[in-house]
Amino acid sequence: MKARVHVTLKKGVLDPQGQAIAHALGTLGFAGVGDVRQGKYIEIELAETDRATARARVEKMCAQLLANPVIEDYAIEIAE
């Protein structure tokens, strides 16, 4: 199975990299760009065959390493 994890900053947490991207897009002529939030995308190959077990393992990975639950949210997608 493959897990796809999207990690983003929680709403209200300052995102200086997102602001820099928004500014750069404006400088390049992309008008009408509002707030930009950046994050990270992680793919994990798992030997699990059970979807629920795979999700539980990835939840634990996110809580312990992949995301900082104080300032980040994450979404998990499990695919075969």
PDB file of N, CA and C in Angstrom:
ATOM      1  N   MET A   1       0.846  -1.182   0.000  1.00  0.00           N
ATOM      2  CA  MET A   1       0.000   0.000   0.000  1.00  0.00           C
ATOM      3  C   MET A   1       0.884   1.236   0.000  1.00  0.00           C
ATOM      4  N   LYS A   2       0.298   2.316  -0.470  1.00  0.00           N
ATOM      5  CA  LYS A   2       1.010   3.584  -0.483  1.00  0.00           C
ATOM      6  C   LYS A   2       0.210   4.597   0.324  1.00  0.00           C
ATOM      7  N   ALA A   3       0.902   5.318   1.177  1.00  0.00           N
ATOM      8  CA  ALA A   3       0.277   6.395   1.937  1.00  0.00           C
ATOM      9  C   ALA A   3       0.762   7.724   1.377  1.00  0.00           C
ATOM     10  N   ARG A   4      -0.167   8.640   1.211  1.00  0.00           N
ATOM     11  CA  ARG A   4       0.163  10.004   0.802  1.00  0.00           C
ATOM     12  C   ARG A   4      -0.235  10.918   1.943  1.00  0.00           C
ATOM     13  N   VAL A   5       0.716  11.722   2.402  1.00  0.00           N
ATOM     14  CA  VAL A   5       0.483  12.613   3.539  1.00  0.00           C
ATOM     15  C   VAL A   5       0.711  14.051   3.095  1.00  0.00           C
ATOM     16  N   HIS A   6      -0.270  14.899   3.345  1.00  0.00           N
ATOM     17  CA  HIS A   6      -0.159  16.332   3.077  1.00  0.00           C
ATOM     18  C   HIS A   6      -0.103  17.033   4.426  1.00  0.00           C
ATOM     19  N   VAL A   7       0.976  17.772   4.655  1.00  0.00           N
ATOM     20  CA  VAL A   7       1.163  18.489   5.912  1.00  0.00           C
ATOM     21  C   VAL A   7       1.105  19.986   5.604  1.00  0.00           C
ATOM     22  N   THR A   8       0.255  20.709   6.327  1.00  0.00           N
ATOM     23  CA  THR A   8       0.121  22.148   6.144  1.00  0.00           C
ATOM     24  C   THR A   8       0.093  22.844   7.498  1.00  0.00           C
ATOM     25  N   LEU A   9       0.466  24.110   7.481  1.00  0.00           N
ATOM     26  CA  LEU A   9       0.395  24.892   8.709  1.00  0.00           C
ATOM     27  C   LEU A   9      -1.064  25.119   9.082  1.00  0.00           C
ATOM     28  N   LYS A  10      -1.359  25.135  10.375  1.00  0.00           N
ATOM     29  CA  LYS A  10      -2.717  25.408  10.828  1.00  0.00           C
ATOM     30  C   LYS A  10      -3.080  26.850  10.510  1.00  0.00           C
ATOM     31  N   LYS A  11      -4.380  27.082  10.349  1.00  0.00           N
ATOM     32  CA  LYS A  11      -4.850  28.448  10.124  1.00  0.00           C
ATOM     33  C   LYS A  11      -4.430  29.299  11.315  1.00  0.00           C
ATOM     34  N   GLY A  12      -3.991  30.495  11.032  1.00  0.00           N
ATOM     35  CA  GLY A  12      -3.564  31.401  12.090  1.00  0.00           C
ATOM     36  C   GLY A  12      -2.075  31.352  12.374  1.00  0.00           C
ATOM     37  N   VAL A  13      -1.398  30.330  11.859  1.00  0.00           N
ATOM     38  CA  VAL A  13       0.050  30.231  12.038  1.00  0.00           C
ATOM     39  C   VAL A  13       0.710  30.990  10.889  1.00  0.00           C
ATOM     40  N   LEU A  14       1.602  31.907  11.230  1.00  0.00           N
ATOM     41  CA  LEU A  14       2.294  32.709  10.228  1.00  0.00           C
ATOM     42  C   LEU A  14       3.050  31.809   9.260  1.00  0.00           C
ATOM     43  N   ASP A  15       2.933  32.115   7.963  1.00  0.00           N
ATOM     44  CA  ASP A  15       3.578  31.316   6.921  1.00  0.00           C
ATOM     45  C   ASP A  15       4.475  32.226   6.078  1.00  0.00           C
ATOM     46  N   PRO A  16       5.691  32.537   6.557  1.00  0.00           N
ATOM     47  CA  PRO A  16       6.560  33.445   5.810  1.00  0.00           C
ATOM     48  C   PRO A  16       6.952  32.915   4.429  1.00  0.00           C
ATOM     49  N   GLN A  17       7.104  31.609   4.279  1.00  0.00           N
ATOM     50  CA  GLN A  17       7.436  31.058   2.974  1.00  0.00           C
ATOM     51  C   GLN A  17       6.263  31.243   2.003  1.00  0.00           C
ATOM     52  N   GLY A  18       5.062  31.047   2.478  1.00  0.00           N
ATOM     53  CA  GLY A  18       3.882  31.282   1.654  1.00  0.00           C
ATOM     54  C   GLY A  18       3.787  32.743   1.231  1.00  0.00           C
ATOM     55  N   GLN A  19       4.106  33.664   2.151  1.00  0.00           N
ATOM     56  CA  GLN A  19       4.089  35.091   1.824  1.00  0.00           C
ATOM     57  C   GLN A  19       5.146  35.410   0.767  1.00  0.00           C
ATOM     58  N   ALA A  20       6.319  34.804   0.888  1.00  0.00           N
ATOM     59  CA  ALA A  20       7.382  35.024  -0.099  1.00  0.00           C
ATOM     60  C   ALA A  20       6.958  34.511  -1.473  1.00  0.00           C
ATOM     61  N   ILE A  21       6.279  33.364  -1.516  1.00  0.00           N
ATOM     62  CA  ILE A  21       5.796  32.815  -2.781  1.00  0.00           C
ATOM     63  C   ILE A  21       4.756  33.760  -3.389  1.00  0.00           C
ATOM     64  N   ALA A  22       3.827  34.251  -2.572  1.00  0.00           N
ATOM     65  CA  ALA A  22       2.801  35.172  -3.061  1.00  0.00           C
ATOM     66  C   ALA A  22       3.443  36.432  -3.642  1.00  0.00           C
ATOM     67  N   HIS A  23       4.430  36.965  -2.939  1.00  0.00           N
ATOM     68  CA  HIS A  23       5.130  38.165  -3.420  1.00  0.00           C
ATOM     69  C   HIS A  23       5.837  37.877  -4.747  1.00  0.00           C
ATOM     70  N   ALA A  24       6.525  36.760  -4.832  1.00  0.00           N
ATOM     71  CA  ALA A  24       7.254  36.400  -6.050  1.00  0.00           C
ATOM     72  C   ALA A  24       6.296  36.219  -7.225  1.00  0.00           C
ATOM     73  N   LEU A  25       5.146  35.600  -6.984  1.00  0.00           N
ATOM     74  CA  LEU A  25       4.167  35.432  -8.056  1.00  0.00           C
ATOM     75  C   LEU A  25       3.688  36.783  -8.576  1.00  0.00           C
ATOM     76  N   GLY A  26       3.453  37.725  -7.650  1.00  0.00           N
ATOM     77  CA  GLY A  26       3.051  39.067  -8.050  1.00  0.00           C
ATOM     78  C   GLY A  26       4.133  39.746  -8.867  1.00  0.00           C
ATOM     79  N   THR A  27       5.385  39.579  -8.453  1.00  0.00           N
ATOM     80  CA  THR A  27       6.520  40.161  -9.169  1.00  0.00           C
ATOM     81  C   THR A  27       6.643  39.584 -10.571  1.00  0.00           C
ATOM     82  N   LEU A  28       6.279  38.329 -10.744  1.00  0.00           N
ATOM     83  CA  LEU A  28       6.353  37.675 -12.049  1.00  0.00           C
ATOM     84  C   LEU A  28       5.148  37.994 -12.938  1.00  0.00           C
ATOM     85  N   GLY A  29       4.236  38.801 -12.425  1.00  0.00           N
ATOM     86  CA  GLY A  29       3.102  39.223 -13.239  1.00  0.00           C
ATOM     87  C   GLY A  29       1.825  38.421 -13.040  1.00  0.00           C
ATOM     88  N   PHE A  30       1.800  37.550 -12.067  1.00  0.00           N
ATOM     89  CA  PHE A  30       0.589  36.774 -11.793  1.00  0.00           C
ATOM     90  C   PHE A  30      -0.304  37.586 -10.861  1.00  0.00           C
ATOM     91  N   ALA A  31      -1.149  38.416 -11.452  1.00  0.00           N
ATOM     92  CA  ALA A  31      -2.028  39.283 -10.678  1.00  0.00           C
ATOM     93  C   ALA A  31      -3.180  38.481 -10.072  1.00  0.00           C
ATOM     94  N   GLY A  32      -3.753  39.013  -9.020  1.00  0.00           N
ATOM     95  CA  GLY A  32      -4.927  38.403  -8.408  1.00  0.00           C
ATOM     96  C   GLY A  32      -4.637  37.242  -7.486  1.00  0.00           C
ATOM     97  N   VAL A  33      -3.363  37.034  -7.138  1.00  0.00           N
ATOM     98  CA  VAL A  33      -3.020  35.954  -6.211  1.00  0.00           C
ATOM     99  C   VAL A  33      -3.215  36.472  -4.793  1.00  0.00           C
ATOM    100  N   GLY A  34      -4.024  35.782  -4.019  1.00  0.00           N
ATOM    101  CA  GLY A  34      -4.267  36.169  -2.636  1.00  0.00           C
ATOM    102  C   GLY A  34      -3.289  35.473  -1.709  1.00  0.00           C
ATOM    103  N   ASP A  35      -3.802  35.009  -0.620  1.00  0.00           N
ATOM    104  CA  ASP A  35      -2.992  34.331   0.387  1.00  0.00           C
ATOM    105  C   ASP A  35      -2.436  33.015  -0.176  1.00  0.00           C
ATOM    106  N   VAL A  36      -1.180  32.752   0.075  1.00  0.00           N
ATOM    107  CA  VAL A  36      -0.542  31.501  -0.337  1.00  0.00           C
ATOM    108  C   VAL A  36      -0.073  30.775   0.916  1.00  0.00           C
ATOM    109  N   ARG A  37      -0.421  29.505   1.032  1.00  0.00           N
ATOM    110  CA  ARG A  37       0.043  28.669   2.139  1.00  0.00           C
ATOM    111  C   ARG A  37       0.851  27.535   1.533  1.00  0.00           C
ATOM    112  N   GLN A  38       2.001  27.260   2.064  1.00  0.00           N
ATOM    113  CA  GLN A  38       2.828  26.164   1.559  1.00  0.00           C
ATOM    114  C   GLN A  38       2.831  25.031   2.568  1.00  0.00           C
ATOM    115  N   GLY A  39       3.203  23.858   2.096  1.00  0.00           N
ATOM    116  CA  GLY A  39       3.246  22.697   2.973  1.00  0.00           C
ATOM    117  C   GLY A  39       4.209  21.673   2.419  1.00  0.00           C
ATOM    118  N   LYS A  40       4.034  20.441   2.856  1.00  0.00           N
ATOM    119  CA  LYS A  40       4.895  19.373   2.344  1.00  0.00           C
ATOM    120  C   LYS A  40       4.048  18.150   2.015  1.00  0.00           C
ATOM    121  N   TYR A  41       4.561  17.359   1.080  1.00  0.00           N
ATOM    122  CA  TYR A  41       3.886  16.156   0.602  1.00  0.00           C
ATOM    123  C   TYR A  41       4.843  14.989   0.781  1.00  0.00           C
ATOM    124  N   ILE A  42       4.361  13.913   1.389  1.00  0.00           N
ATOM    125  CA  ILE A  42       5.208  12.756   1.676  1.00  0.00           C
ATOM    126  C   ILE A  42       4.497  11.498   1.184  1.00  0.00           C
ATOM    127  N   GLU A  43       5.210  10.653   0.429  1.00  0.00           N
ATOM    128  CA  GLU A  43       4.692   9.349   0.013  1.00  0.00           C
ATOM    129  C   GLU A  43       5.447   8.269   0.765  1.00  0.00           C
ATOM    130  N   ILE A  44       4.707   7.297   1.277  1.00  0.00           N
ATOM    131  CA  ILE A  44       5.312   6.206   2.044  1.00  0.00           C
ATOM    132  C   ILE A  44       4.796   4.883   1.498  1.00  0.00           C
ATOM    133  N   GLU A  45       5.703   4.004   1.100  1.00  0.00           N
ATOM    134  CA  GLU A  45       5.339   2.646   0.695  1.00  0.00           C
ATOM    135  C   GLU A  45       5.239   1.795   1.960  1.00  0.00           C
ATOM    136  N   LEU A  46       4.139   1.097   2.103  1.00  0.00           N
ATOM    137  CA  LEU A  46       3.902   0.264   3.282  1.00  0.00           C
ATOM    138  C   LEU A  46       3.705  -1.196   2.877  1.00  0.00           C
ATOM    139  N   ALA A  47       4.180  -2.094   3.708  1.00  0.00           N
ATOM    140  CA  ALA A  47       3.999  -3.527   3.466  1.00  0.00           C
ATOM    141  C   ALA A  47       2.634  -4.008   3.952  1.00  0.00           C
ATOM    142  N   GLU A  48       1.879  -3.135   4.594  1.00  0.00           N
ATOM    143  CA  GLU A  48       0.563  -3.509   5.126  1.00  0.00           C
ATOM    144  C   GLU A  48      -0.395  -3.910   4.009  1.00  0.00           C
ATOM    145  N   THR A  49      -1.314  -4.825   4.329  1.00  0.00           N
ATOM    146  CA  THR A  49      -2.355  -5.200   3.380  1.00  0.00           C
ATOM    147  C   THR A  49      -3.732  -4.752   3.876  1.00  0.00           C
ATOM    148  N   ASP A  50      -3.805  -4.384   5.147  1.00  0.00           N
ATOM    149  CA  ASP A  50      -5.066  -3.933   5.740  1.00  0.00           C
ATOM    150  C   ASP A  50      -5.081  -2.406   5.793  1.00  0.00           C
ATOM    151  N   ARG A  51      -6.119  -1.800   5.192  1.00  0.00           N
ATOM    152  CA  ARG A  51      -6.217  -0.343   5.115  1.00  0.00           C
ATOM    153  C   ARG A  51      -6.240   0.320   6.494  1.00  0.00           C
ATOM    154  N   ALA A  52      -7.018  -0.223   7.398  1.00  0.00           N
ATOM    155  CA  ALA A  52      -7.149   0.372   8.731  1.00  0.00           C
ATOM    156  C   ALA A  52      -5.816   0.331   9.484  1.00  0.00           C
ATOM    157  N   THR A  53      -5.108  -0.774   9.379  1.00  0.00           N
ATOM    158  CA  THR A  53      -3.803  -0.898  10.031  1.00  0.00           C
ATOM    159  C   THR A  53      -2.808   0.077   9.416  1.00  0.00           C
ATOM    160  N   ALA A  54      -2.842   0.187   8.098  1.00  0.00           N
ATOM    161  CA  ALA A  54      -1.939   1.116   7.408  1.00  0.00           C
ATOM    162  C   ALA A  54      -2.204   2.545   7.862  1.00  0.00           C
ATOM    163  N   ARG A  55      -3.479   2.941   7.926  1.00  0.00           N
ATOM    164  CA  ARG A  55      -3.828   4.295   8.352  1.00  0.00           C
ATOM    165  C   ARG A  55      -3.383   4.546   9.794  1.00  0.00           C
ATOM    166  N   ALA A  56      -3.583   3.574  10.656  1.00  0.00           N
ATOM    167  CA  ALA A  56      -3.179   3.727  12.057  1.00  0.00           C
ATOM    168  C   ALA A  56      -1.667   3.911  12.175  1.00  0.00           C
ATOM    169  N   ARG A  57      -0.908   3.160  11.389  1.00  0.00           N
ATOM    170  CA  ARG A  57       0.558   3.294  11.415  1.00  0.00           C
ATOM    171  C   ARG A  57       0.990   4.672  10.928  1.00  0.00           C
ATOM    172  N   VAL A  58       0.369   5.150   9.855  1.00  0.00           N
ATOM    173  CA  VAL A  58       0.739   6.454   9.315  1.00  0.00           C
ATOM    174  C   VAL A  58       0.307   7.569  10.267  1.00  0.00           C
ATOM    175  N   GLU A  59      -0.836   7.421  10.921  1.00  0.00           N
ATOM    176  CA  GLU A  59      -1.256   8.401  11.941  1.00  0.00           C
ATOM    177  C   GLU A  59      -0.178   8.519  13.024  1.00  0.00           C
ATOM    178  N   LYS A  60       0.326   7.382  13.454  1.00  0.00           N
ATOM    179  CA  LYS A  60       1.366   7.367  14.488  1.00  0.00           C
ATOM    180  C   LYS A  60       2.645   8.031  13.963  1.00  0.00           C
ATOM    181  N   MET A  61       3.004   7.763  12.689  1.00  0.00           N
ATOM    182  CA  MET A  61       4.185   8.392  12.086  1.00  0.00           C
ATOM    183  C   MET A  61       4.033   9.913  12.065  1.00  0.00           C
ATOM    184  N   CYS A  62       2.839  10.364  11.711  1.00  0.00           N
ATOM    185  CA  CYS A  62       2.590  11.809  11.656  1.00  0.00           C
ATOM    186  C   CYS A  62       2.702  12.436  13.036  1.00  0.00           C
ATOM    187  N   ALA A  63       2.110  11.798  14.016  1.00  0.00           N
ATOM    188  CA  ALA A  63       2.127  12.340  15.375  1.00  0.00           C
ATOM    189  C   ALA A  63       3.533  12.374  15.967  1.00  0.00           C
ATOM    190  N   GLN A  64       4.372  11.403  15.596  1.00  0.00           N
ATOM    191  CA  GLN A  64       5.697  11.310  16.204  1.00  0.00           C
ATOM    192  C   GLN A  64       6.801  11.996  15.400  1.00  0.00           C
ATOM    193  N   LEU A  65       6.638  12.125  14.061  1.00  0.00           N
ATOM    194  CA  LEU A  65       7.750  12.639  13.265  1.00  0.00           C
ATOM    195  C   LEU A  65       7.356  13.550  12.108  1.00  0.00           C
ATOM    196  N   LEU A  66       6.385  13.147  11.315  1.00  0.00           N
ATOM    197  CA  LEU A  66       6.136  13.818  10.055  1.00  0.00           C
ATOM    198  C   LEU A  66       5.492  15.194  10.186  1.00  0.00           C
ATOM    199  N   ALA A  67       4.763  15.427  11.256  1.00  0.00           N
ATOM    200  CA  ALA A  67       4.088  16.712  11.452  1.00  0.00           C
ATOM    201  C   ALA A  67       4.275  17.181  12.890  1.00  0.00           C
ATOM    202  N   ASN A  68       4.260  18.482  13.053  1.00  0.00           N
ATOM    203  CA  ASN A  68       4.274  19.070  14.391  1.00  0.00           C
ATOM    204  C   ASN A  68       2.825  19.411  14.727  1.00  0.00           C
ATOM    205  N   PRO A  69       2.149  18.585  15.548  1.00  0.00           N
ATOM    206  CA  PRO A  69       0.723  18.773  15.779  1.00  0.00           C
ATOM    207  C   PRO A  69       0.364  20.094  16.470  1.00  0.00           C
ATOM    208  N   VAL A  70       1.339  20.783  17.010  1.00  0.00           N
ATOM    209  CA  VAL A  70       1.074  22.073  17.637  1.00  0.00           C
ATOM    210  C   VAL A  70       0.771  23.128  16.573  1.00  0.00           C
ATOM    211  N   ILE A  71       1.497  23.100  15.452  1.00  0.00           N
ATOM    212  CA  ILE A  71       1.342  24.142  14.436  1.00  0.00           C
ATOM    213  C   ILE A  71       0.937  23.611  13.059  1.00  0.00           C
ATOM    214  N   GLU A  72       0.857  22.291  12.888  1.00  0.00           N
ATOM    215  CA  GLU A  72       0.561  21.725  11.576  1.00  0.00           C
ATOM    216  C   GLU A  72      -0.630  20.769  11.613  1.00  0.00           C
ATOM    217  N   ASP A  73      -1.371  20.760  10.521  1.00  0.00           N
ATOM    218  CA  ASP A  73      -2.416  19.773  10.281  1.00  0.00           C
ATOM    219  C   ASP A  73      -1.898  18.804   9.226  1.00  0.00           C
ATOM    220  N   TYR A  74      -2.483  17.627   9.156  1.00  0.00           N
ATOM    221  CA  TYR A  74      -2.103  16.688   8.110  1.00  0.00           C
ATOM    222  C   TYR A  74      -3.321  15.904   7.650  1.00  0.00           C
ATOM    223  N   ALA A  75      -3.249  15.480   6.397  1.00  0.00           N
ATOM    224  CA  ALA A  75      -4.299  14.650   5.806  1.00  0.00           C
ATOM    225  C   ALA A  75      -3.619  13.419   5.224  1.00  0.00           C
ATOM    226  N   ILE A  76      -4.234  12.270   5.451  1.00  0.00           N
ATOM    227  CA  ILE A  76      -3.670  11.000   5.003  1.00  0.00           C
ATOM    228  C   ILE A  76      -4.585  10.378   3.959  1.00  0.00           C
ATOM    229  N   GLU A  77      -3.974   9.878   2.894  1.00  0.00           N
ATOM    230  CA  GLU A  77      -4.692   9.130   1.853  1.00  0.00           C
ATOM    231  C   GLU A  77      -3.988   7.787   1.715  1.00  0.00           C
ATOM    232  N   ILE A  78      -4.742   6.709   1.801  1.00  0.00           N
ATOM    233  CA  ILE A  78      -4.189   5.364   1.637  1.00  0.00           C
ATOM    234  C   ILE A  78      -4.656   4.814   0.304  1.00  0.00           C
ATOM    235  N   ALA A  79      -3.691   4.375  -0.519  1.00  0.00           N
ATOM    236  CA  ALA A  79      -4.017   3.811  -1.830  1.00  0.00           C
ATOM    237  C   ALA A  79      -3.322   2.459  -1.966  1.00  0.00           C
ATOM    238  N   GLU A  80      -3.907   1.601  -2.773  1.00  0.00           N
ATOM    239  CA  GLU A  80      -3.304   0.283  -2.980  1.00  0.00           C
ATOM    240  C   GLU A  80      -2.321   0.313  -4.121  1.00  0.00           C
TER     241      GLU A  80
END
